[in-house]
N, C-alpha and C. Protein backbone atom coordinates (compact mmCIF):
# COMPACT_ATOMS: atom_id res chain seq x y z
N MET A 1 67.75 116.10 45.49
CA MET A 1 66.53 116.49 46.33
C MET A 1 66.46 115.74 47.40
N LYS A 2 66.53 116.43 48.93
CA LYS A 2 66.19 115.54 49.95
C LYS A 2 65.32 116.22 50.71
N GLY A 3 64.53 115.30 51.64
CA GLY A 3 63.23 115.74 52.22
C GLY A 3 62.50 114.41 52.54
N GLU A 4 61.35 114.82 53.42
CA GLU A 4 60.74 113.58 53.84
C GLU A 4 60.03 112.79 52.76
N VAL A 5 60.00 111.61 52.97
CA VAL A 5 59.34 110.90 51.65
C VAL A 5 57.88 110.93 51.77
N ASN A 6 56.84 111.47 50.86
CA ASN A 6 55.51 111.26 50.76
C ASN A 6 55.10 111.36 49.52
N GLU A 7 53.90 111.66 49.22
CA GLU A 7 53.43 111.66 48.10
C GLU A 7 54.00 112.97 47.13
N ASN A 8 53.74 114.12 47.85
CA ASN A 8 54.23 115.26 47.11
C ASN A 8 55.86 115.36 47.06
N TYR A 9 56.60 114.73 47.63
CA TYR A 9 58.07 114.67 47.61
C TYR A 9 58.53 113.91 46.75
N LEU A 10 57.82 112.57 45.99
CA LEU A 10 57.87 111.83 44.88
C LEU A 10 57.32 112.39 43.73
N ASN A 11 56.26 112.98 43.78
CA ASN A 11 55.86 113.64 42.56
C ASN A 11 56.89 114.91 42.32
N ALA A 12 57.38 115.40 42.96
CA ALA A 12 58.44 116.64 42.50
C ALA A 12 59.49 115.94 42.29
N LEU A 13 60.05 114.89 43.00
CA LEU A 13 61.31 114.29 42.68
C LEU A 13 61.19 113.56 41.07
N LEU A 14 60.13 113.15 40.87
CA LEU A 14 59.75 112.48 39.44
C LEU A 14 59.89 113.78 38.48
N ARG A 15 59.45 114.73 38.75
CA ARG A 15 59.47 116.10 37.52
C ARG A 15 60.86 116.29 37.55
N LEU A 16 61.93 116.54 38.66
CA LEU A 16 63.01 116.60 38.54
C LEU A 16 63.92 115.76 37.60
N GLU A 17 63.60 114.28 38.01
CA GLU A 17 64.29 113.52 37.04
C GLU A 17 63.86 113.56 35.68
N VAL A 18 62.55 113.45 35.13
CA VAL A 18 62.25 114.07 33.93
C VAL A 18 62.70 115.10 33.11
N LYS A 19 63.01 116.04 33.96
CA LYS A 19 63.65 117.42 33.51
C LYS A 19 65.29 117.33 32.96
N ASN A 20 65.82 116.34 33.93
CA ASN A 20 67.20 116.17 33.49
C ASN A 20 67.59 114.70 32.99
N ASP A 21 67.66 115.17 31.58
CA ASP A 21 67.85 113.72 30.99
C ASP A 21 69.12 112.83 31.26
N TYR A 22 70.49 113.58 31.89
CA TYR A 22 71.45 112.51 31.92
C TYR A 22 71.56 112.51 33.34
N SER A 23 71.76 113.41 34.27
CA SER A 23 72.24 113.46 35.43
C SER A 23 71.25 113.27 36.49
N LEU A 24 71.49 112.31 37.72
CA LEU A 24 70.69 111.83 38.56
C LEU A 24 70.37 112.94 39.64
N GLU A 25 69.08 113.16 40.13
CA GLU A 25 68.97 114.17 41.05
C GLU A 25 69.36 113.63 42.59
N PRO A 26 70.08 114.22 43.30
CA PRO A 26 70.64 113.76 44.66
C PRO A 26 69.47 113.36 45.75
N VAL A 27 69.52 112.48 46.16
CA VAL A 27 68.52 111.93 47.21
C VAL A 27 69.44 111.57 48.40
N SER A 28 68.67 111.40 49.28
CA SER A 28 69.15 110.40 50.92
C SER A 28 69.69 109.28 50.17
N ILE A 29 70.77 108.70 51.07
CA ILE A 29 71.08 107.57 50.85
C ILE A 29 70.25 106.60 51.33
N GLN A 30 69.59 106.82 52.03
CA GLN A 30 68.20 106.05 52.59
C GLN A 30 67.14 106.10 51.63
N PHE A 31 67.04 106.70 50.66
CA PHE A 31 65.89 107.02 49.79
C PHE A 31 65.09 105.84 49.63
N TYR A 32 65.43 104.85 49.14
CA TYR A 32 64.54 103.40 48.77
C TYR A 32 63.95 102.74 50.24
N LYS A 33 64.68 102.75 50.87
CA LYS A 33 64.37 102.31 52.29
C LYS A 33 62.93 103.17 52.74
N GLU A 34 63.46 104.55 52.58
CA GLU A 34 62.47 105.46 53.21
C GLU A 34 60.99 105.32 52.34
N ALA A 35 61.23 105.35 50.89
CA ALA A 35 59.97 105.13 50.25
C ALA A 35 59.09 104.11 50.49
N ARG A 36 59.81 102.61 50.84
CA ARG A 36 59.05 101.48 51.19
C ARG A 36 58.44 101.65 52.63
N ASN A 37 59.26 102.31 53.47
CA ASN A 37 58.49 102.43 54.89
C ASN A 37 57.35 103.39 54.69
N TYR A 38 57.57 104.66 53.76
CA TYR A 38 56.31 105.63 53.48
C TYR A 38 55.06 104.49 53.09
N LEU A 39 55.31 103.49 51.92
CA LEU A 39 54.42 103.07 51.42
C LEU A 39 53.70 101.90 52.44
N GLU A 40 54.64 101.13 53.32
CA GLU A 40 53.97 100.44 53.83
C GLU A 40 53.24 101.20 55.29
N SER A 41 53.58 102.31 55.82
CA SER A 41 52.77 103.20 56.63
C SER A 41 51.53 103.43 55.83
N LEU A 42 51.21 103.72 54.75
CA LEU A 42 50.01 104.02 54.03
C LEU A 42 49.28 102.76 54.13
N LYS A 43 49.75 101.48 53.82
CA LYS A 43 49.00 100.52 53.98
C LYS A 43 48.39 99.88 55.18
N GLU A 44 49.39 100.31 56.06
CA GLU A 44 48.58 100.13 57.60
C GLU A 44 47.56 100.99 58.06
N LYS A 45 47.68 102.26 57.45
CA LYS A 45 46.51 103.19 57.93
C LYS A 45 45.42 102.70 57.16
N ILE A 46 45.68 102.46 55.83
CA ILE A 46 44.21 101.63 55.12
C ILE A 46 43.99 100.69 55.84
N GLU A 47 44.58 99.58 56.53
CA GLU A 47 43.90 98.54 57.29
C GLU A 47 43.36 99.03 58.65
N THR A 48 43.63 100.14 59.45
CA THR A 48 43.12 100.70 60.43
C THR A 48 41.77 101.17 60.01
N GLU A 49 41.63 101.95 59.06
CA GLU A 49 40.82 102.60 58.57
C GLU A 49 39.36 101.81 58.07
N THR A 50 40.31 100.55 57.77
CA THR A 50 39.27 99.60 57.26
C THR A 50 38.23 98.93 58.41
N VAL A 51 39.02 98.79 59.48
CA VAL A 51 38.41 98.22 60.76
C VAL A 51 37.44 99.20 61.05
N LYS A 52 37.74 100.72 61.08
CA LYS A 52 36.67 101.68 61.83
C LYS A 52 35.84 101.77 60.65
N LYS A 53 35.66 101.31 59.34
CA LYS A 53 34.66 101.30 58.31
C LYS A 53 34.44 102.93 57.88
N ASN A 54 36.02 103.61 57.92
CA ASN A 54 35.95 104.84 57.41
C ASN A 54 36.08 105.07 56.16
N SER A 55 35.09 104.90 55.12
CA SER A 55 35.34 104.71 53.70
C SER A 55 35.85 106.30 53.23
N ARG A 56 35.52 107.18 53.44
CA ARG A 56 35.96 108.41 53.14
C ARG A 56 37.68 108.40 53.28
N GLN A 57 38.13 108.23 54.49
CA GLN A 57 39.64 108.12 54.56
C GLN A 57 40.68 107.05 53.76
N ILE A 58 39.59 105.70 53.69
CA ILE A 58 40.13 104.70 53.07
C ILE A 58 40.49 104.95 51.26
N GLY A 59 39.20 105.74 50.99
CA GLY A 59 39.64 106.33 49.78
C GLY A 59 40.56 107.11 49.21
N LYS A 60 40.87 108.09 50.31
CA LYS A 60 41.93 109.37 50.33
C LYS A 60 43.13 108.48 50.48
N LEU A 61 43.27 107.51 51.39
CA LEU A 61 44.76 106.92 51.55
C LEU A 61 45.03 106.12 50.17
N THR A 62 43.98 105.26 49.91
CA THR A 62 44.17 104.38 48.79
C THR A 62 44.48 105.17 47.52
N ASN A 63 44.07 106.35 47.22
CA ASN A 63 44.72 107.20 46.11
C ASN A 63 46.01 107.51 46.17
N GLU A 64 46.38 108.08 47.52
CA GLU A 64 47.45 108.43 47.86
C GLU A 64 48.56 107.32 47.70
N LEU A 65 48.28 106.08 48.30
CA LEU A 65 49.12 105.00 47.79
C LEU A 65 49.32 104.55 46.32
N GLU A 66 48.19 104.68 45.78
CA GLU A 66 48.44 104.25 44.11
C GLU A 66 49.22 105.19 43.49
N ASP A 67 48.97 106.61 43.71
CA ASP A 67 50.04 107.63 43.20
C ASP A 67 50.92 107.53 43.52
N SER A 68 51.74 107.19 44.71
CA SER A 68 52.66 107.27 45.36
C SER A 68 53.68 106.04 44.66
N GLU A 69 53.04 104.93 44.53
CA GLU A 69 53.71 103.62 43.64
C GLU A 69 54.00 103.84 42.42
N LYS A 70 53.21 104.77 41.59
CA LYS A 70 53.33 105.11 40.24
C LYS A 70 54.50 105.71 40.22
N PHE A 71 54.33 106.73 41.26
CA PHE A 71 55.67 107.70 40.97
C PHE A 71 56.97 106.96 41.39
N LEU A 72 56.98 106.29 42.35
CA LEU A 72 58.21 105.67 42.86
C LEU A 72 58.43 104.52 41.76
N LYS A 73 57.75 103.86 41.15
CA LYS A 73 58.04 102.96 40.05
C LYS A 73 58.84 103.75 38.66
N LYS A 74 58.05 104.89 38.34
CA LYS A 74 58.45 105.46 37.25
C LYS A 74 60.04 106.37 37.61
N ILE A 75 60.31 106.59 38.70
CA ILE A 75 61.61 107.34 39.56
C ILE A 75 62.40 106.13 38.93
N ILE A 76 62.18 105.11 39.73
CA ILE A 76 63.11 103.96 39.40
C ILE A 76 63.54 103.74 38.17
N GLU A 77 62.30 103.59 37.25
CA GLU A 77 62.83 103.28 35.54
C GLU A 77 63.63 104.39 35.03
N LEU A 78 63.38 105.75 35.42
CA LEU A 78 64.42 106.80 35.05
C LEU A 78 65.81 106.75 35.59
N ARG A 79 66.02 106.53 36.91
CA ARG A 79 67.13 106.36 37.40
C ARG A 79 67.75 105.26 36.76
N VAL A 80 67.48 104.24 36.44
CA VAL A 80 67.98 103.05 36.02
C VAL A 80 68.21 103.13 34.53
N SER A 81 67.45 103.84 33.93
CA SER A 81 67.80 104.25 32.46
C SER A 81 68.99 105.29 32.52
N LYS A 82 69.08 106.31 33.20
CA LYS A 82 70.19 106.93 33.20
C LYS A 82 71.58 106.58 33.58
N ILE A 83 71.48 105.58 34.85
CA ILE A 83 72.67 104.54 34.81
C ILE A 83 73.29 103.72 34.04
N LEU A 84 72.10 103.38 33.16
CA LEU A 84 72.82 102.57 31.70
C LEU A 84 73.29 103.23 30.82
N LYS A 85 72.89 104.58 30.56
CA LYS A 85 73.29 105.44 29.76
C LYS A 85 74.71 105.95 30.00
N ALA A 86 74.96 106.26 31.25
CA ALA A 86 76.28 106.91 31.75
C ALA A 86 77.16 105.50 31.79
N LYS A 87 76.98 104.54 31.71
CA LYS A 87 77.88 103.34 31.64
C LYS A 87 78.18 102.99 30.31
N ALA A 88 77.10 103.06 29.36
CA ALA A 88 77.43 102.85 27.84
C ALA A 88 78.31 104.03 27.24
N ASN A 89 77.88 105.09 27.94
CA ASN A 89 79.06 106.43 27.54
C ASN A 89 80.19 106.54 28.24
N ASN A 90 80.11 105.74 29.09
CA ASN A 90 81.37 106.09 30.17
C ASN A 90 81.65 107.20 30.67
N GLU A 91 80.49 107.48 31.20
CA GLU A 91 80.38 108.99 31.97
C GLU A 91 80.25 108.77 33.25
N LYS A 92 80.93 107.96 34.15
CA LYS A 92 80.47 107.59 35.22
C LYS A 92 80.40 108.82 36.34
N GLU A 93 81.03 110.15 36.06
CA GLU A 93 81.40 111.12 36.65
C GLU A 93 80.22 111.97 36.72
N GLU A 94 79.33 111.88 35.97
CA GLU A 94 77.78 112.11 35.78
C GLU A 94 77.22 111.58 36.93
N LEU A 95 77.22 110.81 37.58
CA LEU A 95 76.80 110.17 38.47
C LEU A 95 77.30 110.00 39.98
N GLU A 96 78.42 110.61 40.15
CA GLU A 96 79.31 110.96 41.09
C GLU A 96 78.56 111.42 42.38
N GLY A 97 78.22 110.71 43.45
CA GLY A 97 77.96 111.28 44.61
C GLY A 97 76.39 111.59 44.65
N LYS A 98 75.62 110.91 43.36
CA LYS A 98 74.28 111.06 43.51
C LYS A 98 73.54 109.58 43.45
N MET A 99 74.10 108.63 43.49
CA MET A 99 73.88 107.06 43.28
C MET A 99 73.54 106.86 45.11
N THR A 100 72.63 106.05 45.07
CA THR A 100 72.20 105.51 46.46
C THR A 100 73.13 104.24 46.72
N PRO A 101 73.51 103.60 47.68
CA PRO A 101 74.18 102.47 47.73
C PRO A 101 73.82 101.24 46.97
N GLU A 102 72.50 100.99 46.71
CA GLU A 102 71.98 100.00 46.03
C GLU A 102 72.28 100.64 44.51
N GLU A 103 71.99 101.58 43.78
CA GLU A 103 72.47 101.93 42.61
C GLU A 103 74.03 101.85 42.43
N GLN A 104 74.75 102.08 43.41
CA GLN A 104 76.19 102.19 43.07
C GLN A 104 76.68 100.56 42.95
N ILE A 105 75.69 99.71 43.61
CA ILE A 105 76.11 98.43 43.53
C ILE A 105 75.80 98.00 41.98
N PHE A 106 74.63 98.54 41.61
CA PHE A 106 74.02 97.98 40.47
C PHE A 106 74.90 98.44 39.17
N PHE A 107 75.27 99.52 39.32
CA PHE A 107 76.30 100.20 38.37
C PHE A 107 77.59 99.44 38.34
N GLU A 108 78.30 99.08 39.42
CA GLU A 108 79.20 98.11 39.41
C GLU A 108 79.05 96.55 38.82
N ASN A 109 77.94 96.13 39.30
CA ASN A 109 77.32 94.72 38.71
C ASN A 109 77.33 95.09 37.08
N ILE A 110 76.79 95.91 36.69
CA ILE A 110 76.85 96.20 35.13
C ILE A 110 78.22 96.24 34.67
N ALA A 111 79.06 97.35 35.40
CA ALA A 111 80.57 97.10 34.53
C ALA A 111 81.17 95.88 34.49
N LYS A 112 81.06 95.00 35.89
CA LYS A 112 81.68 93.89 35.76
C LYS A 112 80.89 92.62 34.61
N SER A 113 79.55 92.98 34.32
CA SER A 113 79.25 92.06 33.64
C SER A 113 79.38 92.24 32.02
N VAL A 114 79.65 93.71 32.05
CA VAL A 114 80.02 94.07 30.34
C VAL A 114 81.36 93.59 30.11
N ALA A 115 82.27 93.59 31.21
CA ALA A 115 83.80 93.22 31.06
C ALA A 115 83.80 91.84 30.79
N GLU A 116 83.18 91.04 31.61
CA GLU A 116 82.97 89.75 31.26
C GLU A 116 82.42 89.30 29.80
N PHE A 117 81.44 89.66 29.78
CA PHE A 117 80.93 89.40 28.22
C PHE A 117 81.98 89.92 26.99
N SER A 118 82.38 90.76 27.17
CA SER A 118 83.52 91.28 26.07
C SER A 118 84.70 90.47 26.12
N VAL A 119 85.14 89.67 27.32
CA VAL A 119 86.16 88.77 27.12
C VAL A 119 85.67 87.67 26.27
N GLN A 120 84.44 87.23 26.88
CA GLN A 120 83.78 86.13 26.36
C GLN A 120 83.65 86.30 24.75
N LEU A 121 83.17 87.02 24.20
CA LEU A 121 83.24 87.32 22.83
C LEU A 121 84.53 87.47 22.25
N GLU A 122 85.50 88.06 22.68
CA GLU A 122 86.90 88.17 22.06
C GLU A 122 87.51 86.83 21.86
N GLN A 123 86.87 85.78 22.88
CA GLN A 123 87.70 84.98 23.03
C GLN A 123 87.07 83.61 22.14
N GLY A 124 85.73 84.23 21.86
CA GLY A 124 85.03 82.89 21.23
C GLY A 124 84.30 82.02 22.02
N GLU A 125 83.93 82.48 23.05
CA GLU A 125 83.65 81.35 23.95
C GLU A 125 81.84 81.38 23.51
N VAL A 126 81.35 80.35 23.60
CA VAL A 126 79.79 79.94 23.45
C VAL A 126 79.04 80.01 24.62
N ILE A 127 78.27 80.87 24.65
CA ILE A 127 77.26 81.06 26.00
C ILE A 127 75.92 80.49 25.44
N MET A 128 75.52 79.23 25.82
CA MET A 128 74.38 78.42 25.52
C MET A 128 73.64 78.23 27.09
N PRO A 129 72.85 79.14 27.38
CA PRO A 129 71.97 79.10 28.62
C PRO A 129 70.77 77.96 28.40
N VAL A 130 70.82 77.19 29.63
CA VAL A 130 69.75 76.14 29.31
C VAL A 130 68.71 76.36 30.29
N ASN A 131 67.37 76.32 29.88
CA ASN A 131 66.18 76.62 30.56
C ASN A 131 65.82 75.61 31.52
N GLU A 132 66.49 75.47 32.50
CA GLU A 132 66.15 74.50 33.57
C GLU A 132 64.76 74.06 34.30
N LYS A 133 64.14 75.46 34.18
CA LYS A 133 62.73 75.29 34.58
C LYS A 133 61.89 74.43 33.54
N ALA A 134 62.03 74.58 32.39
CA ALA A 134 61.41 74.28 31.11
C ALA A 134 61.72 72.94 31.29
N GLU A 135 62.94 72.62 31.42
CA GLU A 135 63.49 70.95 31.37
C GLU A 135 62.58 70.30 32.65
N GLU A 136 62.59 71.05 33.94
CA GLU A 136 61.97 70.26 35.20
C GLU A 136 60.66 70.02 34.65
N ILE A 137 59.96 70.96 34.01
CA ILE A 137 58.37 70.76 33.49
C ILE A 137 58.17 69.47 32.60
N GLU A 138 59.09 69.33 31.54
CA GLU A 138 58.98 68.37 30.76
C GLU A 138 59.26 67.24 31.42
N GLU A 139 60.20 67.03 32.40
CA GLU A 139 60.68 65.66 32.85
C GLU A 139 59.59 65.56 33.93
N LYS A 140 58.85 66.29 34.32
CA LYS A 140 57.80 65.85 35.16
C LYS A 140 56.58 65.25 34.54
N LYS A 141 56.50 65.45 33.32
CA LYS A 141 55.30 65.06 32.41
C LYS A 141 55.89 63.50 32.21
N GLU A 142 57.00 63.30 31.98
CA GLU A 142 57.24 62.05 31.55
C GLU A 142 57.11 60.94 32.53
N PRO A 143 56.80 59.64 32.00
CA PRO A 143 56.63 58.57 32.84
C PRO A 143 57.73 58.40 33.38
N ASP A 144 57.63 57.60 34.63
CA ASP A 144 58.79 57.01 35.44
C ASP A 144 59.62 56.15 34.55
N GLY A 145 61.03 56.12 34.66
CA GLY A 145 61.76 55.51 33.97
C GLY A 145 62.51 56.08 32.60
N VAL A 146 61.31 56.90 32.00
CA VAL A 146 61.77 57.70 30.61
C VAL A 146 62.99 58.65 30.82
N GLN A 147 62.63 59.25 31.80
CA GLN A 147 63.76 60.35 32.21
C GLN A 147 65.11 59.68 32.01
N GLU A 148 65.18 58.83 32.89
CA GLU A 148 66.70 58.00 33.18
C GLU A 148 67.19 57.43 32.07
N ASP A 149 66.22 56.77 31.30
CA ASP A 149 66.52 56.50 29.88
C ASP A 149 67.32 57.28 28.84
N GLU A 150 66.40 58.43 28.71
CA GLU A 150 66.90 59.39 27.92
C GLU A 150 67.96 60.01 28.37
N GLU A 151 68.33 60.34 29.49
CA GLU A 151 69.46 61.00 29.87
C GLU A 151 70.67 59.93 29.61
N ASN A 152 70.68 58.66 29.83
CA ASN A 152 71.51 57.44 29.37
C ASN A 152 71.60 57.45 27.69
N GLU A 153 70.79 57.75 27.26
CA GLU A 153 71.23 57.46 25.72
C GLU A 153 72.02 58.51 25.12
N LYS A 154 72.76 57.73 24.20
CA LYS A 154 73.88 58.90 23.68
C LYS A 154 73.76 58.86 21.94
N VAL A 155 74.13 60.05 21.65
CA VAL A 155 74.09 60.15 20.44
C VAL A 155 75.57 60.76 19.48
N VAL A 156 75.50 60.31 18.18
CA VAL A 156 76.84 60.78 17.61
C VAL A 156 76.75 62.19 17.20
N VAL A 157 77.48 63.07 17.54
CA VAL A 157 77.28 64.71 16.80
C VAL A 157 78.50 64.90 15.88
N TYR A 158 78.39 65.49 14.48
CA TYR A 158 79.36 66.10 13.87
C TYR A 158 79.53 67.57 14.29
N ILE A 159 80.27 68.16 14.67
CA ILE A 159 80.48 69.72 15.25
C ILE A 159 80.72 70.28 14.06
N LEU A 160 80.15 71.43 13.82
CA LEU A 160 79.95 72.42 12.67
C LEU A 160 80.71 73.59 12.71
N GLU A 161 80.88 74.18 14.03
CA GLU A 161 81.64 75.12 14.53
C GLU A 161 82.51 75.03 15.77
N GLU A 162 83.49 75.58 16.06
CA GLU A 162 84.34 75.15 17.00
C GLU A 162 83.66 75.84 18.32
N ILE A 163 83.66 75.19 19.60
CA ILE A 163 83.00 75.58 20.87
C ILE A 163 84.03 75.25 22.10
N LYS A 164 84.08 76.42 22.61
CA LYS A 164 84.86 76.63 23.65
C LYS A 164 84.17 76.81 24.95
N GLY A 165 84.49 75.87 26.19
CA GLY A 165 83.94 75.75 27.27
C GLY A 165 82.71 75.55 27.85
N ILE A 166 82.03 74.61 26.72
CA ILE A 166 80.84 74.17 27.04
C ILE A 166 80.77 72.96 28.08
N SER A 167 80.05 73.07 29.10
CA SER A 167 79.86 72.37 30.25
C SER A 167 79.19 71.24 29.98
N ILE A 168 79.94 69.67 30.10
CA ILE A 168 79.40 68.49 29.65
C ILE A 168 79.90 67.75 31.04
N MET A 169 78.67 66.86 31.91
CA MET A 169 78.54 66.47 33.03
C MET A 169 79.33 67.19 34.30
N GLY A 170 79.51 68.66 34.24
CA GLY A 170 80.10 69.37 34.90
C GLY A 170 81.34 69.65 34.76
N LYS A 171 82.12 69.15 33.46
CA LYS A 171 83.22 69.63 33.14
C LYS A 171 83.48 70.33 31.90
N PRO A 172 84.17 71.63 32.08
CA PRO A 172 84.31 72.27 30.71
C PRO A 172 85.05 71.61 29.51
N VAL A 173 84.49 71.51 28.40
CA VAL A 173 85.06 70.72 27.24
C VAL A 173 85.21 71.85 26.03
N ASN A 174 86.27 71.88 25.37
CA ASN A 174 86.19 72.36 24.13
C ASN A 174 86.31 71.25 22.91
N LEU A 175 85.40 71.63 21.86
CA LEU A 175 85.32 71.02 20.74
C LEU A 175 85.56 71.65 19.40
N ARG A 176 86.23 71.15 18.63
CA ARG A 176 86.69 71.37 17.29
C ARG A 176 85.80 71.42 15.90
N LYS A 177 85.82 72.04 15.12
CA LYS A 177 85.08 71.87 13.93
C LYS A 177 85.10 70.73 13.49
N GLU A 178 84.32 70.22 12.91
CA GLU A 178 84.45 68.81 12.40
C GLU A 178 84.72 67.81 13.03
N ASP A 179 84.91 67.92 14.45
CA ASP A 179 84.99 66.89 15.11
C ASP A 179 83.67 65.62 15.18
N ILE A 180 83.93 64.72 15.55
CA ILE A 180 82.53 63.35 15.83
C ILE A 180 82.69 63.25 17.04
N VAL A 181 81.95 63.46 18.14
CA VAL A 181 81.70 62.97 19.47
C VAL A 181 80.33 62.29 19.79
N THR A 182 80.82 61.60 20.86
CA THR A 182 79.32 60.80 21.19
C THR A 182 79.25 61.59 22.72
N LEU A 183 77.86 61.92 22.56
CA LEU A 183 77.41 62.70 23.73
C LEU A 183 76.26 62.27 24.37
N PRO A 184 75.99 62.44 25.64
CA PRO A 184 74.57 62.16 26.13
C PRO A 184 73.39 62.98 25.26
N SER A 185 72.32 62.39 25.22
CA SER A 185 71.22 63.37 24.13
C SER A 185 71.02 64.89 24.80
N LYS A 186 71.01 64.85 26.23
CA LYS A 186 70.66 66.09 26.81
C LYS A 186 71.72 67.25 26.51
N TYR A 187 72.73 67.00 26.42
CA TYR A 187 74.03 67.87 25.58
C TYR A 187 74.15 67.87 24.35
N ALA A 188 73.80 67.08 23.63
CA ALA A 188 73.67 66.84 22.08
C ALA A 188 72.70 67.72 21.75
N ASN A 189 71.50 67.49 22.44
CA ASN A 189 70.30 68.70 22.01
C ASN A 189 70.67 70.16 22.18
N VAL A 190 71.42 70.43 23.02
CA VAL A 190 71.58 71.58 23.53
C VAL A 190 72.44 72.61 22.26
N ILE A 191 73.38 71.53 21.81
CA ILE A 191 74.39 72.00 20.58
C ILE A 191 73.88 72.19 19.37
N ILE A 192 72.97 71.18 19.22
CA ILE A 192 72.10 71.12 17.92
C ILE A 192 71.26 72.23 17.54
N ARG A 193 70.42 72.80 18.86
CA ARG A 193 69.80 73.91 19.05
C ARG A 193 70.29 75.16 18.54
N GLN A 194 71.40 75.11 18.94
CA GLN A 194 72.41 76.49 18.87
C GLN A 194 72.85 76.39 17.26
N GLY A 195 72.62 75.33 16.60
CA GLY A 195 73.23 75.36 15.13
C GLY A 195 74.88 75.05 15.19
N LEU A 196 75.42 74.50 16.11
CA LEU A 196 76.73 74.34 16.21
C LEU A 196 76.88 72.79 16.06
N GLY A 197 75.83 72.11 15.81
CA GLY A 197 76.52 70.55 15.51
C GLY A 197 74.99 69.93 15.08
N LYS A 198 75.33 68.57 14.61
CA LYS A 198 74.28 67.88 13.85
C LYS A 198 74.41 66.57 14.18
N ILE A 199 73.24 65.67 14.44
CA ILE A 199 73.36 64.38 14.62
C ILE A 199 73.67 63.55 13.40
N LEU A 200 74.50 62.42 13.54
CA LEU A 200 74.93 61.61 12.28
C LEU A 200 73.78 60.49 12.43
N GLU A 201 73.03 60.47 11.27
CA GLU A 201 71.89 59.71 11.07
C GLU A 201 72.58 58.24 10.97
N GLY A 202 71.66 57.23 11.60
CA GLY A 202 72.41 55.85 12.23
C GLY A 202 73.57 55.94 12.81
N LYS A 203 73.99 56.86 13.67
CA LYS A 203 75.08 56.66 14.49
C LYS A 203 74.48 56.57 15.90
N GLU A 204 73.11 56.85 16.30
CA GLU A 204 73.18 56.42 17.56
C GLU A 204 73.35 55.41 18.19
N THR A 205 73.81 55.54 19.61
CA THR A 205 74.47 54.38 20.36
C THR A 205 73.50 54.09 21.86
């Protein structure tokens, strides 16, 4: 469906996307840009009418803006859901010629992420994300000098399961089951939280 992006267009497009469970409705390759420009133009009109103190026009434009934003949000949710389903079912042909450039990039990134993750699972690599923001918050709460002391503290860890590709001090390290290793507490805690190792009591250094 192609045409000038406005409230009526978005409403009609949403109805078509809901009606078709699998295939995307064809849109302009500039659809998302046109939609953003349309919403921005509404906001500018509201500001202009606010200066004029035209309450009736302000109310009309505000309703149009709110409805259009809701329509666009739902359209995006539906199209993203269809793209994910198509990837899961290996049915890219259902989307051919119907994705915008942004959606095409999204689809390719999904395919790449799925392929990489599958390889990691096959090779038994352990993925242990670290919540850096949470760590930063905790570090800020600590008195001066405490953070440095804790980072330098080392503990002895007994490895319960094989760990491949864990990054320690910026270097990839492979650990075997039943290894006994001395690690900075920062890295030891990550392994312990994942249930892949345990601290040997009385072995702290």
